Amino acid sequence: QGVMEGYNGTIFARGQTGSGKSFTMQGVADSSSQKGTIPRAFEHIFESVQCAESTKLLLRASCLEIHSEDIGDLLGADAKQKLE
Protein backbone atom coordinates (compact mmCIF):
# COMPACT_ATOMS: atom_id res chain seq x y z
CA GLN A 1 0.00 0.00 0.00
CA GLY A 2 2.97 2.31 0.57
CA VAL A 3 3.71 2.21 -3.16
CA MET A 4 0.37 3.87 -3.79
CA GLU A 5 1.38 6.61 -1.35
CA GLY A 6 4.53 7.41 -3.34
CA TYR A 7 7.10 5.17 -1.67
CA ASN A 8 9.41 2.85 -3.61
CA GLY A 9 8.65 -0.82 -3.22
CA THR A 10 10.85 -3.89 -3.55
CA ILE A 11 9.99 -7.56 -3.73
CA PHE A 12 13.13 -9.56 -2.99
CA ALA A 13 13.52 -13.34 -3.33
CA ARG A 14 16.63 -15.10 -2.09
CA GLY A 15 17.45 -18.76 -1.73
CA GLN A 16 19.21 -21.79 -3.06
CA THR A 17 18.74 -23.05 -6.61
CA GLY A 18 15.56 -25.10 -6.83
CA SER A 19 14.04 -23.71 -3.63
CA GLY A 20 10.97 -22.23 -5.36
CA LYS A 21 11.85 -18.55 -5.80
CA SER A 22 10.62 -18.32 -9.39
CA PHE A 23 7.39 -20.16 -8.61
CA THR A 24 6.72 -17.94 -5.60
CA MET A 25 7.37 -14.78 -7.61
CA GLN A 26 5.65 -15.80 -10.89
CA GLY A 27 3.25 -18.58 -9.99
CA VAL A 28 1.07 -20.26 -12.60
CA ALA A 29 -0.25 -17.79 -15.19
CA ASP A 30 -3.53 -19.59 -15.90
CA SER A 31 -4.46 -20.29 -12.28
CA SER A 32 -6.05 -17.65 -10.06
CA SER A 33 -5.31 -19.72 -6.95
CA GLN A 34 -1.62 -20.16 -7.84
CA LYS A 35 -0.74 -16.62 -8.94
CA GLY A 36 2.67 -15.51 -7.81
CA THR A 37 3.64 -12.50 -5.74
CA ILE A 38 4.42 -10.31 -8.77
CA PRO A 39 1.09 -10.80 -10.61
CA ARG A 40 -0.80 -10.24 -7.35
CA ALA A 41 1.14 -7.04 -6.62
CA PHE A 42 0.60 -5.72 -10.16
CA GLU A 43 -3.10 -6.55 -9.96
CA HIS A 44 -3.39 -4.61 -6.69
CA ILE A 45 -1.47 -1.62 -8.08
CA PHE A 46 -3.53 -1.40 -11.27
CA GLU A 47 -6.81 -1.76 -9.36
CA SER A 48 -5.69 1.11 -7.13
CA VAL A 49 -4.68 3.22 -10.15
CA GLN A 50 -8.17 2.85 -11.61
CA CYS A 51 -9.64 4.24 -8.37
CA ALA A 52 -7.25 7.23 -8.23
CA GLU A 53 -9.06 9.55 -10.62
CA SER A 54 -7.53 12.86 -9.51
CA THR A 55 -3.96 11.62 -9.04
CA LYS A 56 -1.12 11.38 -11.55
CA LEU A 57 0.95 8.25 -11.19
CA LEU A 58 4.16 7.03 -12.82
CA LEU A 59 4.69 3.28 -12.59
CA ARG A 60 8.09 1.83 -13.38
CA ALA A 61 9.18 -1.77 -12.89
CA SER A 62 12.50 -3.55 -13.13
CA CYS A 63 13.42 -7.17 -12.68
CA LEU A 64 17.03 -7.82 -11.75
CA GLU A 65 18.81 -11.11 -11.27
CA ILE A 66 21.88 -11.33 -9.04
CA HIS A 67 23.79 -14.56 -9.57
CA SER A 68 27.40 -15.27 -8.63
CA GLU A 69 27.97 -11.53 -8.06
CA ASP A 70 26.77 -10.72 -11.61
CA ILE A 71 23.71 -8.49 -12.05
CA GLY A 72 21.44 -8.77 -15.08
CA ASP A 73 18.29 -6.90 -16.10
CA LEU A 74 15.72 -9.56 -16.99
CA LEU A 75 13.48 -6.99 -18.70
CA GLY A 76 16.28 -5.42 -20.76
CA ALA A 77 16.84 -5.91 -24.48
CA ASP A 78 19.64 -8.40 -23.72
CA ALA A 79 18.93 -10.29 -20.49
CA LYS A 80 22.40 -11.87 -20.58
CA GLN A 81 24.20 -8.51 -20.62
CA LYS A 82 25.75 -7.83 -17.20
CA LEU A 83 25.17 -4.53 -15.42
CA GLU A 84 27.85 -2.61 -13.56
C-alpha atoms as a PDB file:
ATOM      1  CA  GLN A   1       0.000   0.000   0.000  1.00  0.00           C
ATOM      2  CA  GLY A   2       2.969   2.312   0.572  1.00  0.00           C
ATOM      3  CA  VAL A   3       3.713   2.213  -3.160  1.00  0.00           C
ATOM      4  CA  MET A   4       0.365   3.868  -3.791  1.00  0.00           C
ATOM      5  CA  GLU A   5       1.377   6.614  -1.351  1.00  0.00           C
ATOM      6  CA  GLY A   6       4.533   7.411  -3.340  1.00  0.00           C
ATOM      7  CA  TYR A   7       7.102   5.170  -1.673  1.00  0.00           C
ATOM      8  CA  ASN A   8       9.406   2.854  -3.615  1.00  0.00           C
ATOM      9  CA  GLY A   9       8.647  -0.822  -3.215  1.00  0.00           C
ATOM     10  CA  THR A  10      10.847  -3.888  -3.548  1.00  0.00           C
ATOM     11  CA  ILE A  11       9.992  -7.557  -3.726  1.00  0.00           C
ATOM     12  CA  PHE A  12      13.129  -9.558  -2.994  1.00  0.00           C
ATOM     13  CA  ALA A  13      13.517 -13.337  -3.326  1.00  0.00           C
ATOM     14  CA  ARG A  14      16.629 -15.099  -2.085  1.00  0.00           C
ATOM     15  CA  GLY A  15      17.452 -18.761  -1.733  1.00  0.00           C
ATOM     16  CA  GLN A  16      19.215 -21.792  -3.064  1.00  0.00           C
ATOM     17  CA  THR A  17      18.740 -23.053  -6.606  1.00  0.00           C
ATOM     18  CA  GLY A  18      15.557 -25.097  -6.831  1.00  0.00           C
ATOM     19  CA  SER A  19      14.036 -23.710  -3.628  1.00  0.00           C
ATOM     20  CA  GLY A  20      10.965 -22.232  -5.362  1.00  0.00           C
ATOM     21  CA  LYS A  21      11.848 -18.546  -5.796  1.00  0.00           C
ATOM     22  CA  SER A  22      10.622 -18.324  -9.390  1.00  0.00           C
ATOM     23  CA  PHE A  23       7.392 -20.162  -8.611  1.00  0.00           C
ATOM     24  CA  THR A  24       6.718 -17.943  -5.599  1.00  0.00           C
ATOM     25  CA  MET A  25       7.370 -14.783  -7.610  1.00  0.00           C
ATOM     26  CA  GLN A  26       5.654 -15.798 -10.890  1.00  0.00           C
ATOM     27  CA  GLY A  27       3.247 -18.585  -9.990  1.00  0.00           C
ATOM     28  CA  VAL A  28       1.074 -20.265 -12.604  1.00  0.00           C
ATOM     29  CA  ALA A  29      -0.253 -17.786 -15.190  1.00  0.00           C
ATOM     30  CA  ASP A  30      -3.528 -19.590 -15.897  1.00  0.00           C
ATOM     31  CA  SER A  31      -4.459 -20.295 -12.277  1.00  0.00           C
ATOM     32  CA  SER A  32      -6.051 -17.655 -10.061  1.00  0.00           C
ATOM     33  CA  SER A  33      -5.308 -19.715  -6.949  1.00  0.00           C
ATOM     34  CA  GLN A  34      -1.617 -20.160  -7.837  1.00  0.00           C
ATOM     35  CA  LYS A  35      -0.741 -16.625  -8.944  1.00  0.00           C
ATOM     36  CA  GLY A  36       2.666 -15.514  -7.807  1.00  0.00           C
ATOM     37  CA  THR A  37       3.636 -12.499  -5.739  1.00  0.00           C
ATOM     38  CA  ILE A  38       4.421 -10.309  -8.770  1.00  0.00           C
ATOM     39  CA  PRO A  39       1.089 -10.799 -10.613  1.00  0.00           C
ATOM     40  CA  ARG A  40      -0.797 -10.244  -7.350  1.00  0.00           C
ATOM     41  CA  ALA A  41       1.140  -7.035  -6.616  1.00  0.00           C
ATOM     42  CA  PHE A  42       0.600  -5.720 -10.164  1.00  0.00           C
ATOM     43  CA  GLU A  43      -3.100  -6.549  -9.963  1.00  0.00           C
ATOM     44  CA  HIS A  44      -3.394  -4.612  -6.692  1.00  0.00           C
ATOM     45  CA  ILE A  45      -1.466  -1.625  -8.076  1.00  0.00           C
ATOM     46  CA  PHE A  46      -3.530  -1.405 -11.275  1.00  0.00           C
ATOM     47  CA  GLU A  47      -6.810  -1.759  -9.362  1.00  0.00           C
ATOM     48  CA  SER A  48      -5.689   1.110  -7.127  1.00  0.00           C
ATOM     49  CA  VAL A  49      -4.679   3.217 -10.154  1.00  0.00           C
ATOM     50  CA  GLN A  50      -8.168   2.850 -11.612  1.00  0.00           C
ATOM     51  CA  CYS A  51      -9.637   4.241  -8.373  1.00  0.00           C
ATOM     52  CA  ALA A  52      -7.246   7.230  -8.226  1.00  0.00           C
ATOM     53  CA  GLU A  53      -9.065   9.554 -10.616  1.00  0.00           C
ATOM     54  CA  SER A  54      -7.533  12.864  -9.513  1.00  0.00           C
ATOM     55  CA  THR A  55      -3.956  11.622  -9.036  1.00  0.00           C
ATOM     56  CA  LYS A  56      -1.123  11.383 -11.554  1.00  0.00           C
ATOM     57  CA  LEU A  57       0.951   8.247 -11.195  1.00  0.00           C
ATOM     58  CA  LEU A  58       4.164   7.029 -12.817  1.00  0.00           C
ATOM     59  CA  LEU A  59       4.687   3.281 -12.591  1.00  0.00           C
ATOM     60  CA  ARG A  60       8.087   1.831 -13.376  1.00  0.00           C
ATOM     61  CA  ALA A  61       9.175  -1.770 -12.886  1.00  0.00           C
ATOM     62  CA  SER A  62      12.501  -3.547 -13.131  1.00  0.00           C
ATOM     63  CA  CYS A  63      13.420  -7.167 -12.680  1.00  0.00           C
ATOM     64  CA  LEU A  64      17.033  -7.822 -11.746  1.00  0.00           C
ATOM     65  CA  GLU A  65      18.814 -11.109 -11.270  1.00  0.00           C
ATOM     66  CA  ILE A  66      21.878 -11.332  -9.041  1.00  0.00           C
ATOM     67  CA  HIS A  67      23.787 -14.558  -9.574  1.00  0.00           C
ATOM     68  CA  SER A  68      27.397 -15.271  -8.633  1.00  0.00           C
ATOM     69  CA  GLU A  69      27.974 -11.534  -8.056  1.00  0.00           C
ATOM     70  CA  ASP A  70      26.771 -10.717 -11.608  1.00  0.00           C
ATOM     71  CA  ILE A  71      23.711  -8.490 -12.048  1.00  0.00           C
ATOM     72  CA  GLY A  72      21.441  -8.775 -15.079  1.00  0.00           C
ATOM     73  CA  ASP A  73      18.288  -6.900 -16.100  1.00  0.00           C
ATOM     74  CA  LEU A  74      15.720  -9.560 -16.993  1.00  0.00           C
ATOM     75  CA  LEU A  75      13.476  -6.986 -18.695  1.00  0.00           C
ATOM     76  CA  GLY A  76      16.283  -5.420 -20.757  1.00  0.00           C
ATOM     77  CA  ALA A  77      16.840  -5.914 -24.477  1.00  0.00           C
ATOM     78  CA  ASP A  78      19.640  -8.403 -23.724  1.00  0.00           C
ATOM     79  CA  ALA A  79      18.929 -10.287 -20.495  1.00  0.00           C
ATOM     80  CA  LYS A  80      22.401 -11.872 -20.581  1.00  0.00           C
ATOM     81  CA  GLN A  81      24.202  -8.511 -20.621  1.00  0.00           C
ATOM     82  CA  LYS A  82      25.749  -7.826 -17.205  1.00  0.00           C
ATOM     83  CA  LEU A  83      25.168  -4.526 -15.418  1.00  0.00           C
ATOM     84  CA  GLU A  84      27.851  -2.608 -13.560  1.00  0.00           C
END
